[in-house]
Amino acid sequence: MRSSAIYKNYEIHFESFQRQKSGGWIPQYNCTRQNLEHFGNDFPSQHYQLNEAFPSEDQANDFALEKAMDWIDKNAALKVR
């Protein structure tokens, strides 16, 4: 299963987990900006664990990827100089 993606010069790693064997899957992601020369000393990554739970790992990973891309869309424009 795919656990990373490239989106708008960010590498997104997503990995969902279960707190209990019979529990739902909790999505989380880590975004790392790949090309840092253009951005000075800005912090190059974002890690986030989401509050939602899903019945399957695939659904949780899809949601994590979607939320990471939303974060990049909202925040990448702020980093452009």
N, C-alpha and C. Protein backbone atom coordinates (compact mmCIF):
# COMPACT_ATOMS: atom_id res chain seq x y z
N MET A 1 0.83 -1.18 0.00
CA MET A 1 0.00 0.00 0.00
C MET A 1 0.87 1.25 0.00
N ARG A 2 0.48 2.22 -0.74
CA ARG A 2 1.19 3.49 -0.83
C ARG A 2 1.06 4.24 0.50
N SER A 3 2.18 4.78 1.00
CA SER A 3 2.13 5.52 2.25
C SER A 3 2.76 6.90 2.14
N SER A 4 3.04 7.33 0.90
CA SER A 4 3.58 8.67 0.70
C SER A 4 3.16 9.19 -0.68
N ALA A 5 3.22 10.50 -0.81
CA ALA A 5 2.86 11.16 -2.06
C ALA A 5 3.62 12.48 -2.14
N ILE A 6 3.80 12.97 -3.36
CA ILE A 6 4.39 14.28 -3.60
C ILE A 6 3.27 15.20 -4.05
N TYR A 7 3.20 16.39 -3.45
CA TYR A 7 2.17 17.36 -3.80
C TYR A 7 2.72 18.76 -3.61
N LYS A 8 2.78 19.54 -4.69
CA LYS A 8 3.23 20.94 -4.65
C LYS A 8 4.53 21.12 -3.88
N ASN A 9 5.54 20.35 -4.23
CA ASN A 9 6.88 20.44 -3.65
C ASN A 9 6.93 20.01 -2.19
N TYR A 10 5.94 19.28 -1.73
CA TYR A 10 5.94 18.68 -0.39
C TYR A 10 5.88 17.17 -0.53
N GLU A 11 6.58 16.49 0.34
CA GLU A 11 6.44 15.04 0.42
C GLU A 11 5.52 14.77 1.61
N ILE A 12 4.46 14.02 1.36
CA ILE A 12 3.48 13.71 2.39
C ILE A 12 3.63 12.23 2.76
N HIS A 13 3.84 11.98 4.03
CA HIS A 13 3.84 10.61 4.56
C HIS A 13 2.59 10.47 5.41
N PHE A 14 1.83 9.44 5.18
CA PHE A 14 0.63 9.22 5.97
C PHE A 14 0.64 7.79 6.47
N GLU A 15 0.27 7.64 7.72
CA GLU A 15 0.26 6.33 8.33
C GLU A 15 -0.80 6.34 9.43
N SER A 16 -1.81 5.55 9.24
CA SER A 16 -2.89 5.47 10.22
C SER A 16 -2.58 4.37 11.22
N PHE A 17 -3.21 4.44 12.37
CA PHE A 17 -2.95 3.45 13.42
C PHE A 17 -4.23 3.20 14.21
N GLN A 18 -4.22 2.12 14.95
CA GLN A 18 -5.33 1.77 15.84
C GLN A 18 -4.84 1.86 17.28
N ARG A 19 -5.63 2.50 18.13
CA ARG A 19 -5.28 2.54 19.56
C ARG A 19 -5.57 1.20 20.22
N GLN A 20 -6.62 0.52 19.73
CA GLN A 20 -6.99 -0.80 20.23
C GLN A 20 -7.24 -1.69 19.02
N LYS A 21 -7.02 -2.99 19.17
CA LYS A 21 -7.19 -3.91 18.03
C LYS A 21 -8.58 -3.83 17.41
N SER A 22 -9.59 -3.63 18.21
CA SER A 22 -10.95 -3.59 17.67
C SER A 22 -11.43 -2.17 17.41
N GLY A 23 -10.55 -1.19 17.59
CA GLY A 23 -10.94 0.21 17.42
C GLY A 23 -10.81 0.69 15.99
N GLY A 24 -11.24 1.92 15.78
CA GLY A 24 -11.14 2.53 14.46
C GLY A 24 -9.71 2.96 14.16
N TRP A 25 -9.48 3.28 12.91
CA TRP A 25 -8.16 3.72 12.44
C TRP A 25 -8.07 5.23 12.54
N ILE A 26 -6.99 5.73 13.15
CA ILE A 26 -6.77 7.16 13.35
C ILE A 26 -5.78 7.65 12.29
N PRO A 27 -6.17 8.64 11.47
CA PRO A 27 -5.26 9.13 10.44
C PRO A 27 -4.25 10.13 11.00
N GLN A 28 -3.05 10.08 10.45
CA GLN A 28 -2.03 11.09 10.76
C GLN A 28 -1.15 11.28 9.52
N TYR A 29 -0.53 12.46 9.47
CA TYR A 29 0.34 12.74 8.32
C TYR A 29 1.52 13.59 8.75
N ASN A 30 2.53 13.60 7.90
CA ASN A 30 3.69 14.46 8.05
C ASN A 30 4.01 15.02 6.66
N CYS A 31 4.05 16.35 6.55
CA CYS A 31 4.41 17.02 5.29
C CYS A 31 5.79 17.62 5.44
N THR A 32 6.65 17.39 4.46
CA THR A 32 7.99 17.96 4.46
C THR A 32 8.23 18.67 3.14
N ARG A 33 8.58 19.94 3.21
CA ARG A 33 8.87 20.71 2.00
C ARG A 33 10.19 20.22 1.43
N GLN A 34 10.24 19.99 0.12
CA GLN A 34 11.42 19.39 -0.50
C GLN A 34 12.48 20.40 -0.88
N ASN A 35 12.13 21.55 -1.38
CA ASN A 35 13.10 22.53 -1.85
C ASN A 35 13.12 23.70 -0.88
N LEU A 36 14.12 23.74 -0.03
CA LEU A 36 14.15 24.74 1.03
C LEU A 36 14.88 26.02 0.67
N GLU A 37 15.64 26.06 -0.42
CA GLU A 37 16.43 27.24 -0.74
C GLU A 37 15.57 28.49 -0.94
N HIS A 38 14.37 28.33 -1.44
CA HIS A 38 13.52 29.46 -1.76
C HIS A 38 12.81 30.05 -0.55
N PHE A 39 12.93 29.40 0.61
CA PHE A 39 12.07 29.77 1.72
C PHE A 39 12.82 30.26 2.96
N GLY A 40 14.09 30.53 2.86
CA GLY A 40 14.81 31.05 4.01
C GLY A 40 14.84 30.06 5.16
N ASN A 41 14.55 30.54 6.36
CA ASN A 41 14.63 29.71 7.55
C ASN A 41 13.27 29.20 8.02
N ASP A 42 12.26 29.23 7.20
CA ASP A 42 10.95 28.74 7.60
C ASP A 42 11.02 27.27 7.99
N PHE A 43 10.22 26.87 8.96
CA PHE A 43 10.18 25.48 9.39
C PHE A 43 9.66 24.62 8.24
N PRO A 44 10.36 23.57 7.86
CA PRO A 44 10.05 22.86 6.62
C PRO A 44 9.04 21.73 6.72
N SER A 45 8.38 21.52 7.88
CA SER A 45 7.48 20.39 7.94
C SER A 45 6.28 20.66 8.84
N GLN A 46 5.28 19.80 8.70
CA GLN A 46 4.05 19.85 9.49
C GLN A 46 3.66 18.43 9.82
N HIS A 47 3.41 18.14 11.08
CA HIS A 47 2.93 16.82 11.49
C HIS A 47 1.59 17.01 12.17
N TYR A 48 0.64 16.13 11.85
CA TYR A 48 -0.68 16.28 12.44
C TYR A 48 -1.35 14.93 12.61
N GLN A 49 -1.94 14.73 13.78
CA GLN A 49 -2.76 13.55 14.05
C GLN A 49 -4.21 14.03 14.11
N LEU A 50 -5.06 13.45 13.30
CA LEU A 50 -6.44 13.91 13.18
C LEU A 50 -7.32 13.25 14.24
N ASN A 51 -8.44 13.89 14.55
CA ASN A 51 -9.34 13.40 15.60
C ASN A 51 -10.36 12.39 15.12
N GLU A 52 -10.51 12.23 13.84
CA GLU A 52 -11.49 11.29 13.28
C GLU A 52 -10.97 9.85 13.37
N ALA A 53 -11.91 8.91 13.35
CA ALA A 53 -11.56 7.48 13.29
C ALA A 53 -12.37 6.85 12.15
N PHE A 54 -11.76 5.89 11.46
CA PHE A 54 -12.37 5.25 10.30
C PHE A 54 -12.37 3.74 10.47
N PRO A 55 -13.31 3.06 9.81
CA PRO A 55 -13.38 1.61 9.94
C PRO A 55 -12.23 0.86 9.27
N SER A 56 -11.55 1.48 8.31
CA SER A 56 -10.44 0.78 7.65
C SER A 56 -9.21 1.68 7.57
N GLU A 57 -8.06 1.04 7.47
CA GLU A 57 -6.79 1.75 7.35
C GLU A 57 -6.75 2.56 6.06
N ASP A 58 -7.25 1.99 4.96
CA ASP A 58 -7.26 2.69 3.68
C ASP A 58 -8.08 3.98 3.74
N GLN A 59 -9.25 3.92 4.37
CA GLN A 59 -10.08 5.12 4.50
C GLN A 59 -9.38 6.19 5.33
N ALA A 60 -8.74 5.77 6.40
CA ALA A 60 -8.03 6.72 7.26
C ALA A 60 -6.85 7.34 6.51
N ASN A 61 -6.10 6.54 5.77
CA ASN A 61 -4.98 7.06 5.00
C ASN A 61 -5.45 8.03 3.91
N ASP A 62 -6.54 7.70 3.23
CA ASP A 62 -7.09 8.61 2.21
C ASP A 62 -7.47 9.95 2.83
N PHE A 63 -8.08 9.90 4.02
CA PHE A 63 -8.48 11.13 4.70
C PHE A 63 -7.25 11.93 5.12
N ALA A 64 -6.22 11.26 5.63
CA ALA A 64 -4.99 11.94 6.02
C ALA A 64 -4.35 12.64 4.82
N LEU A 65 -4.30 11.96 3.69
CA LEU A 65 -3.74 12.55 2.48
C LEU A 65 -4.54 13.78 2.05
N GLU A 66 -5.86 13.67 2.08
CA GLU A 66 -6.73 14.80 1.71
C GLU A 66 -6.49 15.99 2.63
N LYS A 67 -6.40 15.75 3.93
CA LYS A 67 -6.19 16.84 4.89
C LYS A 67 -4.80 17.45 4.74
N ALA A 68 -3.80 16.64 4.45
CA ALA A 68 -2.45 17.16 4.22
C ALA A 68 -2.42 18.06 2.99
N MET A 69 -3.08 17.64 1.93
CA MET A 69 -3.14 18.47 0.72
C MET A 69 -3.89 19.77 0.99
N ASP A 70 -4.95 19.72 1.80
CA ASP A 70 -5.66 20.95 2.18
C ASP A 70 -4.74 21.89 2.95
N TRP A 71 -3.96 21.33 3.89
CA TRP A 71 -3.03 22.15 4.67
C TRP A 71 -2.00 22.81 3.75
N ILE A 72 -1.47 22.05 2.82
CA ILE A 72 -0.48 22.59 1.87
C ILE A 72 -1.12 23.71 1.04
N ASP A 73 -2.32 23.48 0.52
CA ASP A 73 -3.00 24.50 -0.28
C ASP A 73 -3.18 25.80 0.51
N LYS A 74 -3.51 25.69 1.78
CA LYS A 74 -3.75 26.88 2.59
C LYS A 74 -2.47 27.56 3.03
N ASN A 75 -1.42 26.79 3.26
CA ASN A 75 -0.20 27.34 3.84
C ASN A 75 0.95 27.56 2.88
N ALA A 76 0.97 26.86 1.77
CA ALA A 76 2.08 27.01 0.83
C ALA A 76 2.09 28.41 0.23
N ALA A 77 0.93 28.99 0.00
CA ALA A 77 0.86 30.34 -0.56
C ALA A 77 1.45 31.36 0.40
N LEU A 78 1.37 31.11 1.69
CA LEU A 78 1.93 32.03 2.69
C LEU A 78 3.45 31.99 2.70
N LYS A 79 4.06 30.91 2.22
CA LYS A 79 5.51 30.74 2.24
C LYS A 79 6.19 31.34 1.02
N VAL A 80 5.43 31.60 -0.04
CA VAL A 80 6.02 32.13 -1.27
C VAL A 80 6.45 33.56 -1.03
N ARG A 81 7.64 33.87 -1.42
CA ARG A 81 8.16 35.23 -1.22
C ARG A 81 8.40 35.87 -2.57
